[in-house]
């Protein structure tokens, strides 16, 4: 689990989006050239602590990563487009082996809707790559690649998020 309590969470972003969805709207195709489009962008950058368990090496990896969270909301007279991205890159060390690791996590999401009720899926990718041997064998399949799918459901402006599927590969 990564400590990201100081960054805007996915739930907070969903709550902002749900509030925007309460505006009365009429369905039509999105048009980036619409002169009535208003875009607001918010970006948070900071160094964060991470503590990830590697299923490949069976040890905790701790370190720091630089995180960039971007949230962009574009509204027109008829629709709302909401985009988020989270990008983290850092270095850490295995708690048992003292091996060095490179940590990377990226997620991106875009939603265009006029609905007050909807379901959406988010894909997140996380990589934990051993860059120094430490006390682990050299031929161990120790590079971890995780893909996680979460489902966000908004009903009458109230968001809820569940993890639908997680796939872990050791290479």
N, C-alpha and C. Protein backbone atom coordinates (compact mmCIF):
# COMPACT_ATOMS: atom_id res chain seq x y z
N UNK A 1 0.83 -1.17 0.00
CA UNK A 1 0.00 0.00 0.00
C UNK A 1 0.88 1.23 0.00
N UNK A 2 0.56 2.19 -0.81
CA UNK A 2 1.32 3.41 -0.93
C UNK A 2 0.63 4.51 -0.14
N UNK A 3 1.41 5.30 0.60
CA UNK A 3 0.87 6.39 1.39
C UNK A 3 0.69 7.60 0.50
N UNK A 4 -0.53 7.90 0.13
CA UNK A 4 -0.83 9.04 -0.72
C UNK A 4 -1.90 9.92 -0.06
N UNK A 5 -1.97 9.90 1.27
CA UNK A 5 -3.04 10.60 1.95
C UNK A 5 -3.01 12.10 1.73
N UNK A 6 -1.87 12.67 1.37
CA UNK A 6 -1.80 14.10 1.18
C UNK A 6 -2.17 14.51 -0.25
N UNK A 7 -2.26 13.57 -1.18
CA UNK A 7 -2.68 13.88 -2.55
C UNK A 7 -4.19 13.79 -2.66
N UNK A 8 -4.79 14.50 -3.61
CA UNK A 8 -6.24 14.33 -3.83
C UNK A 8 -6.52 12.88 -4.21
N UNK A 9 -7.45 12.28 -3.53
CA UNK A 9 -7.74 10.87 -3.79
C UNK A 9 -8.71 10.73 -4.96
N UNK A 10 -8.79 9.53 -5.48
CA UNK A 10 -9.72 9.24 -6.56
C UNK A 10 -11.15 9.53 -6.12
N UNK A 11 -11.45 9.23 -4.85
CA UNK A 11 -12.80 9.50 -4.34
C UNK A 11 -13.10 10.99 -4.33
N UNK A 12 -12.14 11.81 -3.96
CA UNK A 12 -12.35 13.25 -3.95
C UNK A 12 -12.60 13.75 -5.37
N UNK A 13 -11.83 13.22 -6.31
CA UNK A 13 -12.04 13.59 -7.71
C UNK A 13 -13.42 13.16 -8.18
N UNK A 14 -13.85 11.98 -7.76
CA UNK A 14 -15.18 11.49 -8.13
C UNK A 14 -16.26 12.38 -7.53
N UNK A 15 -16.05 12.86 -6.31
CA UNK A 15 -17.04 13.72 -5.66
C UNK A 15 -17.17 15.05 -6.40
N UNK A 16 -16.03 15.63 -6.84
CA UNK A 16 -16.07 16.87 -7.61
C UNK A 16 -16.81 16.63 -8.91
N UNK A 17 -16.48 15.52 -9.55
CA UNK A 17 -17.13 15.18 -10.81
C UNK A 17 -18.64 14.98 -10.62
N UNK A 18 -19.02 14.29 -9.56
CA UNK A 18 -20.44 14.06 -9.28
C UNK A 18 -21.17 15.37 -9.07
N UNK A 19 -20.53 16.33 -8.41
CA UNK A 19 -21.15 17.63 -8.20
C UNK A 19 -21.38 18.34 -9.53
N UNK A 20 -20.41 18.24 -10.43
CA UNK A 20 -20.56 18.84 -11.75
C UNK A 20 -21.69 18.18 -12.54
N UNK A 21 -21.91 16.90 -12.30
CA UNK A 21 -22.92 16.16 -13.03
C UNK A 21 -24.35 16.53 -12.62
N UNK A 22 -24.50 17.24 -11.53
CA UNK A 22 -25.85 17.60 -11.09
C UNK A 22 -26.42 18.75 -11.92
N UNK A 23 -25.60 19.33 -12.83
CA UNK A 23 -26.11 20.39 -13.70
C UNK A 23 -27.03 19.79 -14.75
N UNK A 24 -28.17 20.45 -15.06
CA UNK A 24 -29.04 19.94 -16.13
C UNK A 24 -28.33 20.08 -17.47
N UNK A 25 -28.34 19.00 -18.25
CA UNK A 25 -27.65 19.01 -19.54
C UNK A 25 -28.44 18.22 -20.58
N UNK A 26 -28.08 18.42 -21.84
CA UNK A 26 -28.68 17.70 -22.95
C UNK A 26 -27.55 16.98 -23.68
N UNK A 27 -27.75 15.69 -24.02
CA UNK A 27 -26.70 14.89 -24.65
C UNK A 27 -26.40 15.38 -26.06
N UNK A 28 -25.10 15.45 -26.40
CA UNK A 28 -24.62 15.73 -27.74
C UNK A 28 -23.15 15.36 -27.78
N UNK A 29 -22.57 15.35 -28.96
CA UNK A 29 -21.16 14.99 -29.08
C UNK A 29 -20.29 16.11 -28.51
N UNK A 30 -19.15 15.72 -27.93
CA UNK A 30 -18.22 16.70 -27.37
C UNK A 30 -17.53 17.45 -28.49
N UNK A 31 -17.37 18.75 -28.33
CA UNK A 31 -16.71 19.57 -29.34
C UNK A 31 -15.65 20.43 -28.66
N UNK A 32 -14.35 20.11 -28.89
CA UNK A 32 -13.26 20.87 -28.29
C UNK A 32 -13.20 22.30 -28.79
N UNK A 33 -13.82 22.59 -29.93
CA UNK A 33 -13.78 23.94 -30.50
C UNK A 33 -14.92 24.83 -30.00
N UNK A 34 -15.81 24.30 -29.18
CA UNK A 34 -16.93 25.08 -28.66
C UNK A 34 -16.38 26.28 -27.87
N UNK A 35 -16.72 27.52 -28.27
CA UNK A 35 -16.18 28.70 -27.59
C UNK A 35 -16.70 28.84 -26.16
N UNK A 36 -17.74 28.09 -25.79
CA UNK A 36 -18.29 28.14 -24.44
C UNK A 36 -17.57 27.21 -23.47
N UNK A 37 -16.62 26.41 -23.97
CA UNK A 37 -15.87 25.51 -23.10
C UNK A 37 -15.03 26.31 -22.09
N UNK A 38 -15.10 25.89 -20.84
CA UNK A 38 -14.28 26.49 -19.78
C UNK A 38 -13.49 25.35 -19.15
N UNK A 39 -12.16 25.48 -19.14
CA UNK A 39 -11.30 24.43 -18.59
C UNK A 39 -10.62 24.92 -17.32
N UNK A 40 -10.68 24.08 -16.30
CA UNK A 40 -9.97 24.34 -15.05
C UNK A 40 -9.00 23.18 -14.84
N UNK A 41 -7.73 23.51 -14.60
CA UNK A 41 -6.72 22.49 -14.36
C UNK A 41 -6.09 22.71 -12.99
N UNK A 42 -5.95 21.61 -12.27
CA UNK A 42 -5.32 21.66 -10.96
C UNK A 42 -4.25 20.58 -10.94
N UNK A 43 -3.05 20.95 -10.49
CA UNK A 43 -1.97 19.98 -10.43
C UNK A 43 -1.28 20.06 -9.08
N UNK A 44 -1.02 18.89 -8.52
CA UNK A 44 -0.32 18.79 -7.25
C UNK A 44 0.94 17.96 -7.49
N UNK A 45 2.09 18.49 -7.07
CA UNK A 45 3.35 17.76 -7.17
C UNK A 45 3.98 17.71 -5.79
N UNK A 46 4.44 16.54 -5.42
CA UNK A 46 5.16 16.41 -4.16
C UNK A 46 5.82 15.05 -4.07
N UNK A 47 6.79 14.96 -3.17
CA UNK A 47 7.44 13.69 -2.91
C UNK A 47 6.60 12.94 -1.88
N UNK A 48 6.39 11.65 -2.13
CA UNK A 48 5.57 10.83 -1.25
C UNK A 48 6.34 9.58 -0.85
N UNK A 49 6.03 9.06 0.30
CA UNK A 49 6.59 7.81 0.80
C UNK A 49 5.78 6.66 0.19
N UNK A 50 6.45 5.58 -0.21
CA UNK A 50 5.71 4.40 -0.65
C UNK A 50 6.19 3.18 0.12
N UNK A 51 5.27 2.26 0.32
CA UNK A 51 5.54 0.99 1.00
C UNK A 51 4.75 -0.06 0.23
N UNK A 52 5.41 -0.75 -0.67
CA UNK A 52 4.77 -1.74 -1.54
C UNK A 52 5.25 -3.14 -1.18
N UNK A 53 4.34 -4.10 -1.14
CA UNK A 53 4.73 -5.49 -0.95
C UNK A 53 4.94 -6.11 -2.32
N UNK A 54 6.11 -6.69 -2.55
CA UNK A 54 6.41 -7.35 -3.82
C UNK A 54 6.00 -8.81 -3.73
N UNK A 55 5.03 -9.19 -4.52
CA UNK A 55 4.61 -10.59 -4.57
C UNK A 55 5.70 -11.45 -5.22
N UNK A 56 6.57 -10.83 -6.00
CA UNK A 56 7.61 -11.57 -6.70
C UNK A 56 8.77 -11.95 -5.78
N UNK A 57 9.13 -11.06 -4.86
CA UNK A 57 10.26 -11.33 -3.97
C UNK A 57 9.82 -11.58 -2.53
N UNK A 58 8.52 -11.44 -2.27
CA UNK A 58 7.95 -11.67 -0.94
C UNK A 58 8.57 -10.77 0.13
N UNK A 59 8.77 -9.49 -0.23
CA UNK A 59 9.29 -8.56 0.76
C UNK A 59 8.67 -7.18 0.54
N UNK A 60 8.70 -6.38 1.59
CA UNK A 60 8.25 -5.00 1.49
C UNK A 60 9.35 -4.16 0.88
N UNK A 61 8.95 -3.24 0.02
CA UNK A 61 9.89 -2.30 -0.59
C UNK A 61 9.42 -0.91 -0.18
N UNK A 62 10.30 -0.15 0.45
CA UNK A 62 9.96 1.20 0.89
C UNK A 62 10.90 2.20 0.24
N UNK A 63 10.39 3.40 0.04
CA UNK A 63 11.20 4.46 -0.55
C UNK A 63 10.38 5.70 -0.74
N UNK A 64 10.89 6.59 -1.59
CA UNK A 64 10.17 7.82 -1.90
C UNK A 64 10.01 7.93 -3.41
N UNK A 65 8.95 8.60 -3.79
CA UNK A 65 8.65 8.81 -5.21
C UNK A 65 8.17 10.24 -5.39
N UNK A 66 8.41 10.79 -6.57
CA UNK A 66 7.86 12.10 -6.91
C UNK A 66 6.53 11.85 -7.60
N UNK A 67 5.48 12.45 -7.07
CA UNK A 67 4.13 12.25 -7.59
C UNK A 67 3.61 13.52 -8.23
N UNK A 68 2.96 13.36 -9.39
CA UNK A 68 2.31 14.46 -10.08
C UNK A 68 0.87 14.03 -10.34
N UNK A 69 -0.09 14.70 -9.68
CA UNK A 69 -1.51 14.42 -9.87
C UNK A 69 -2.12 15.61 -10.60
N UNK A 70 -2.77 15.34 -11.75
CA UNK A 70 -3.38 16.40 -12.54
C UNK A 70 -4.87 16.11 -12.70
N UNK A 71 -5.65 17.14 -12.49
CA UNK A 71 -7.10 17.04 -12.62
C UNK A 71 -7.55 18.17 -13.54
N UNK A 72 -8.27 17.82 -14.61
CA UNK A 72 -8.73 18.83 -15.56
C UNK A 72 -10.23 18.65 -15.77
N UNK A 73 -10.97 19.73 -15.61
CA UNK A 73 -12.41 19.71 -15.82
C UNK A 73 -12.74 20.74 -16.88
N UNK A 74 -13.43 20.31 -17.94
CA UNK A 74 -13.86 21.21 -19.00
C UNK A 74 -15.38 21.14 -19.06
N UNK A 75 -16.01 22.30 -18.96
CA UNK A 75 -17.46 22.35 -19.04
C UNK A 75 -17.86 23.21 -20.23
N UNK A 76 -18.91 22.78 -20.89
CA UNK A 76 -19.51 23.58 -21.95
C UNK A 76 -20.93 23.86 -21.51
N UNK A 77 -21.72 24.41 -22.38
CA UNK A 77 -23.12 24.68 -22.02
C UNK A 77 -23.93 23.40 -21.94
N UNK A 78 -23.43 22.31 -22.49
CA UNK A 78 -24.20 21.07 -22.56
C UNK A 78 -23.58 19.88 -21.85
N UNK A 79 -22.25 19.85 -21.71
CA UNK A 79 -21.58 18.65 -21.21
C UNK A 79 -20.42 19.00 -20.28
N UNK A 80 -19.87 17.94 -19.66
CA UNK A 80 -18.67 18.07 -18.83
C UNK A 80 -17.69 16.97 -19.20
N UNK A 81 -16.42 17.36 -19.35
CA UNK A 81 -15.35 16.38 -19.57
C UNK A 81 -14.42 16.48 -18.36
N UNK A 82 -14.12 15.32 -17.76
CA UNK A 82 -13.30 15.26 -16.56
C UNK A 82 -12.15 14.31 -16.81
N UNK A 83 -10.91 14.79 -16.61
CA UNK A 83 -9.72 13.96 -16.84
C UNK A 83 -8.83 14.03 -15.61
N UNK A 84 -8.28 12.87 -15.24
CA UNK A 84 -7.28 12.84 -14.17
C UNK A 84 -6.11 11.99 -14.63
N UNK A 85 -4.94 12.30 -14.10
CA UNK A 85 -3.78 11.43 -14.29
C UNK A 85 -2.94 11.51 -13.03
N UNK A 86 -2.31 10.39 -12.72
CA UNK A 86 -1.42 10.31 -11.59
C UNK A 86 -0.16 9.60 -12.05
N UNK A 87 1.00 10.21 -11.83
CA UNK A 87 2.25 9.64 -12.28
C UNK A 87 3.24 9.71 -11.12
N UNK A 88 3.77 8.56 -10.71
CA UNK A 88 4.73 8.50 -9.61
C UNK A 88 5.96 7.72 -10.07
N UNK A 89 7.13 8.24 -9.74
CA UNK A 89 8.39 7.56 -10.05
C UNK A 89 9.34 7.76 -8.87
N UNK A 90 9.98 6.67 -8.45
CA UNK A 90 10.89 6.79 -7.33
C UNK A 90 11.79 5.58 -7.18
N UNK A 91 12.51 5.57 -6.06
CA UNK A 91 13.44 4.48 -5.77
C UNK A 91 13.21 4.02 -4.34
N UNK A 92 13.46 2.72 -4.12
CA UNK A 92 13.30 2.17 -2.79
C UNK A 92 14.26 1.02 -2.54
N UNK A 93 14.08 0.41 -1.37
CA UNK A 93 14.95 -0.69 -0.96
C UNK A 93 14.12 -1.79 -0.34
N UNK A 94 14.50 -3.05 -0.65
CA UNK A 94 13.83 -4.20 -0.06
C UNK A 94 14.15 -4.31 1.42
N UNK A 95 13.14 -4.63 2.23
CA UNK A 95 13.33 -4.68 3.68
C UNK A 95 14.14 -5.89 4.14
N UNK A 96 14.11 -7.00 3.39
CA UNK A 96 14.85 -8.21 3.77
C UNK A 96 16.16 -8.36 3.01
N UNK A 97 16.11 -8.09 1.72
CA UNK A 97 17.28 -8.33 0.86
C UNK A 97 18.19 -7.10 0.74
N UNK A 98 17.68 -5.94 1.07
CA UNK A 98 18.38 -4.66 0.87
C UNK A 98 18.64 -4.38 -0.61
N UNK A 99 17.94 -5.09 -1.50
CA UNK A 99 18.06 -4.86 -2.94
C UNK A 99 17.45 -3.50 -3.28
N UNK A 100 17.98 -2.87 -4.33
CA UNK A 100 17.48 -1.58 -4.78
C UNK A 100 16.37 -1.80 -5.81
N UNK A 101 15.33 -0.96 -5.77
CA UNK A 101 14.19 -1.07 -6.67
C UNK A 101 13.87 0.28 -7.29
N UNK A 102 13.32 0.24 -8.50
CA UNK A 102 12.74 1.40 -9.18
C UNK A 102 11.23 1.23 -9.10
N UNK A 103 10.52 2.26 -8.67
CA UNK A 103 9.06 2.20 -8.52
C UNK A 103 8.43 3.15 -9.53
N UNK A 104 7.38 2.68 -10.21
CA UNK A 104 6.66 3.51 -11.17
C UNK A 104 5.17 3.17 -11.10
N UNK A 105 4.35 4.19 -11.09
CA UNK A 105 2.90 3.99 -11.11
C UNK A 105 2.28 5.06 -11.99
N UNK A 106 1.34 4.66 -12.84
CA UNK A 106 0.68 5.61 -13.72
C UNK A 106 -0.78 5.23 -13.86
N UNK A 107 -1.64 6.22 -13.78
CA UNK A 107 -3.06 6.01 -14.08
C UNK A 107 -3.57 7.23 -14.82
N UNK A 108 -4.52 6.99 -15.70
CA UNK A 108 -5.12 8.07 -16.47
C UNK A 108 -6.58 7.74 -16.69
N UNK A 109 -7.40 8.76 -16.66
CA UNK A 109 -8.84 8.54 -16.77
C UNK A 109 -9.47 9.74 -17.46
N UNK A 110 -10.43 9.48 -18.34
CA UNK A 110 -11.19 10.56 -18.98
C UNK A 110 -12.65 10.15 -19.03
N UNK A 111 -13.53 11.08 -18.71
CA UNK A 111 -14.97 10.82 -18.71
C UNK A 111 -15.68 12.01 -19.36
N UNK A 112 -16.55 11.73 -20.30
CA UNK A 112 -17.41 12.76 -20.90
C UNK A 112 -18.83 12.28 -20.71
N UNK A 113 -19.65 13.10 -20.07
CA UNK A 113 -21.02 12.65 -19.80
C UNK A 113 -21.95 13.81 -19.51
N UNK A 114 -23.22 13.52 -19.60
CA UNK A 114 -24.27 14.44 -19.16
C UNK A 114 -25.09 13.80 -18.05
N UNK A 115 -24.75 12.57 -17.70
CA UNK A 115 -25.57 11.78 -16.77
C UNK A 115 -25.28 12.10 -15.31
N UNK A 116 -26.31 11.95 -14.46
CA UNK A 116 -26.14 12.04 -13.01
C UNK A 116 -25.78 10.66 -12.45
N UNK A 117 -26.17 9.60 -13.15
CA UNK A 117 -25.89 8.22 -12.74
C UNK A 117 -25.06 7.56 -13.83
N UNK A 118 -23.92 6.97 -13.45
CA UNK A 118 -23.10 6.28 -14.43
C UNK A 118 -22.12 5.35 -13.73
N UNK A 119 -21.54 4.43 -14.51
CA UNK A 119 -20.51 3.52 -14.03
C UNK A 119 -19.30 3.69 -14.94
N UNK A 120 -18.13 3.71 -14.36
CA UNK A 120 -16.92 3.92 -15.12
C UNK A 120 -15.82 3.00 -14.60
N UNK A 121 -14.89 2.61 -15.46
CA UNK A 121 -13.80 1.73 -15.08
C UNK A 121 -12.47 2.48 -15.22
N UNK A 122 -11.57 2.28 -14.26
CA UNK A 122 -10.26 2.90 -14.25
C UNK A 122 -9.20 1.81 -14.23
N UNK A 123 -8.19 1.96 -15.06
CA UNK A 123 -7.06 1.02 -15.07
C UNK A 123 -5.84 1.70 -14.48
N UNK A 124 -5.15 1.00 -13.60
CA UNK A 124 -3.94 1.52 -12.98
C UNK A 124 -2.81 0.52 -13.18
N UNK A 125 -1.63 1.01 -13.51
CA UNK A 125 -0.46 0.16 -13.70
C UNK A 125 0.62 0.55 -12.70
N UNK A 126 1.23 -0.47 -12.11
CA UNK A 126 2.30 -0.27 -11.13
C UNK A 126 3.45 -1.20 -11.48
N UNK A 127 4.67 -0.69 -11.45
CA UNK A 127 5.85 -1.50 -11.73
C UNK A 127 6.82 -1.36 -10.58
N UNK A 128 7.37 -2.48 -10.15
CA UNK A 128 8.38 -2.51 -9.11
C UNK A 128 9.53 -3.33 -9.68
N UNK A 129 10.60 -2.66 -10.10
CA UNK A 129 11.69 -3.29 -10.83
C UNK A 129 12.94 -3.32 -9.95
N UNK A 130 13.49 -4.52 -9.73
CA UNK A 130 14.72 -4.63 -8.93
C UNK A 130 15.89 -4.15 -9.79
N UNK A 131 16.64 -3.19 -9.29
CA UNK A 131 17.77 -2.63 -10.04
C UNK A 131 19.11 -3.03 -9.43
N UNK A 132 19.11 -3.55 -8.21
CA UNK A 132 20.32 -4.02 -7.55
C UNK A 132 20.03 -5.33 -6.86
N UNK A 133 20.96 -6.26 -6.90
CA UNK A 133 20.73 -7.63 -6.44
C UNK A 133 20.50 -7.74 -4.94
N UNK A 134 21.22 -7.04 -4.13
CA UNK A 134 21.09 -7.22 -2.69
C UNK A 134 21.40 -8.65 -2.32
N UNK A 135 20.58 -9.26 -1.46
CA UNK A 135 20.79 -10.64 -1.03
C UNK A 135 19.85 -11.62 -1.72
N UNK A 136 19.30 -11.24 -2.89
CA UNK A 136 18.41 -12.11 -3.65
C UNK A 136 19.20 -12.81 -4.76
N UNK A 137 18.79 -14.02 -5.16
CA UNK A 137 19.46 -14.70 -6.27
C UNK A 137 19.34 -13.90 -7.57
N UNK A 138 20.34 -13.97 -8.42
CA UNK A 138 20.37 -13.18 -9.66
C UNK A 138 19.29 -13.61 -10.65
N UNK A 139 18.89 -14.87 -10.68
CA UNK A 139 17.95 -15.35 -11.69
C UNK A 139 16.49 -15.32 -11.24
N UNK A 140 16.19 -14.74 -10.11
CA UNK A 140 14.83 -14.69 -9.60
C UNK A 140 13.95 -13.80 -10.48
N UNK A 141 12.73 -14.26 -10.79
CA UNK A 141 11.77 -13.43 -11.52
C UNK A 141 11.22 -12.41 -10.53
N UNK A 142 11.89 -11.27 -10.43
CA UNK A 142 11.62 -10.33 -9.35
C UNK A 142 11.02 -9.00 -9.80
N UNK A 143 10.85 -8.79 -11.09
CA UNK A 143 10.26 -7.54 -11.58
C UNK A 143 8.75 -7.70 -11.61
N UNK A 144 8.08 -6.86 -10.84
CA UNK A 144 6.63 -7.00 -10.64
C UNK A 144 5.87 -6.00 -11.50
N UNK A 145 4.87 -6.50 -12.20
CA UNK A 145 4.00 -5.68 -13.05
C UNK A 145 2.56 -5.92 -12.60
N UNK A 146 1.90 -4.87 -12.15
CA UNK A 146 0.53 -4.98 -11.63
C UNK A 146 -0.41 -4.16 -12.50
N UNK A 147 -1.54 -4.74 -12.86
CA UNK A 147 -2.64 -4.02 -13.52
C UNK A 147 -3.86 -4.20 -12.63
N UNK A 148 -4.47 -3.08 -12.26
CA UNK A 148 -5.63 -3.13 -11.39
C UNK A 148 -6.77 -2.37 -12.04
N UNK A 149 -7.94 -2.97 -12.01
CA UNK A 149 -9.13 -2.35 -12.58
C UNK A 149 -10.10 -2.02 -11.46
N UNK A 150 -10.50 -0.76 -11.40
CA UNK A 150 -11.45 -0.31 -10.39
C UNK A 150 -12.71 0.16 -11.10
N UNK A 151 -13.84 0.02 -10.43
CA UNK A 151 -15.11 0.47 -10.98
C UNK A 151 -15.65 1.59 -10.09
N UNK A 152 -15.99 2.72 -10.74
CA UNK A 152 -16.62 3.83 -10.04
C UNK A 152 -18.07 3.90 -10.48
N UNK A 153 -18.96 3.90 -9.51
CA UNK A 153 -20.38 4.05 -9.79
C UNK A 153 -20.87 5.31 -9.10
N UNK A 154 -21.53 6.18 -9.85
CA UNK A 154 -22.13 7.39 -9.29
C UNK A 154 -23.64 7.26 -9.43
N UNK A 155 -24.33 7.31 -8.31
CA UNK A 155 -25.79 7.24 -8.28
C UNK A 155 -26.30 8.49 -7.59
N UNK A 156 -27.08 9.28 -8.31
CA UNK A 156 -27.61 10.54 -7.78
C UNK A 156 -26.52 11.40 -7.18
N UNK A 157 -25.37 11.45 -7.83
CA UNK A 157 -24.27 12.29 -7.38
C UNK A 157 -23.41 11.71 -6.28
N UNK A 158 -23.68 10.48 -5.81
CA UNK A 158 -22.90 9.85 -4.74
C UNK A 158 -21.97 8.80 -5.33
N UNK A 159 -20.63 9.03 -5.26
CA UNK A 159 -19.70 8.06 -5.85
C UNK A 159 -19.34 6.92 -4.90
N UNK A 160 -19.09 5.75 -5.47
CA UNK A 160 -18.51 4.63 -4.72
C UNK A 160 -17.53 3.92 -5.65
N UNK A 161 -16.41 3.46 -5.08
CA UNK A 161 -15.35 2.84 -5.88
C UNK A 161 -15.04 1.46 -5.32
N UNK A 162 -14.92 0.46 -6.21
CA UNK A 162 -14.54 -0.90 -5.81
C UNK A 162 -13.44 -1.39 -6.75
N UNK A 163 -12.55 -2.23 -6.24
CA UNK A 163 -11.53 -2.87 -7.06
C UNK A 163 -12.15 -4.11 -7.67
N UNK A 164 -12.17 -4.17 -9.00
CA UNK A 164 -12.81 -5.28 -9.72
C UNK A 164 -11.86 -6.44 -9.99
N UNK A 165 -10.61 -6.13 -10.34
CA UNK A 165 -9.69 -7.18 -10.75
C UNK A 165 -8.26 -6.67 -10.59
N UNK A 166 -7.37 -7.55 -10.12
CA UNK A 166 -5.95 -7.22 -10.02
C UNK A 166 -5.16 -8.35 -10.66
N UNK A 167 -4.23 -8.00 -11.55
CA UNK A 167 -3.37 -9.00 -12.20
C UNK A 167 -1.92 -8.66 -11.87
N UNK A 168 -1.19 -9.66 -11.35
CA UNK A 168 0.20 -9.48 -10.97
C UNK A 168 1.05 -10.46 -11.78
N UNK A 169 2.10 -9.95 -12.42
CA UNK A 169 3.05 -10.78 -13.16
C UNK A 169 4.46 -10.55 -12.63
N UNK A 170 5.23 -11.62 -12.50
CA UNK A 170 6.63 -11.55 -12.12
C UNK A 170 7.46 -11.92 -13.34
N UNK A 171 8.34 -11.05 -13.76
CA UNK A 171 9.15 -11.31 -14.97
C UNK A 171 10.62 -11.19 -14.62
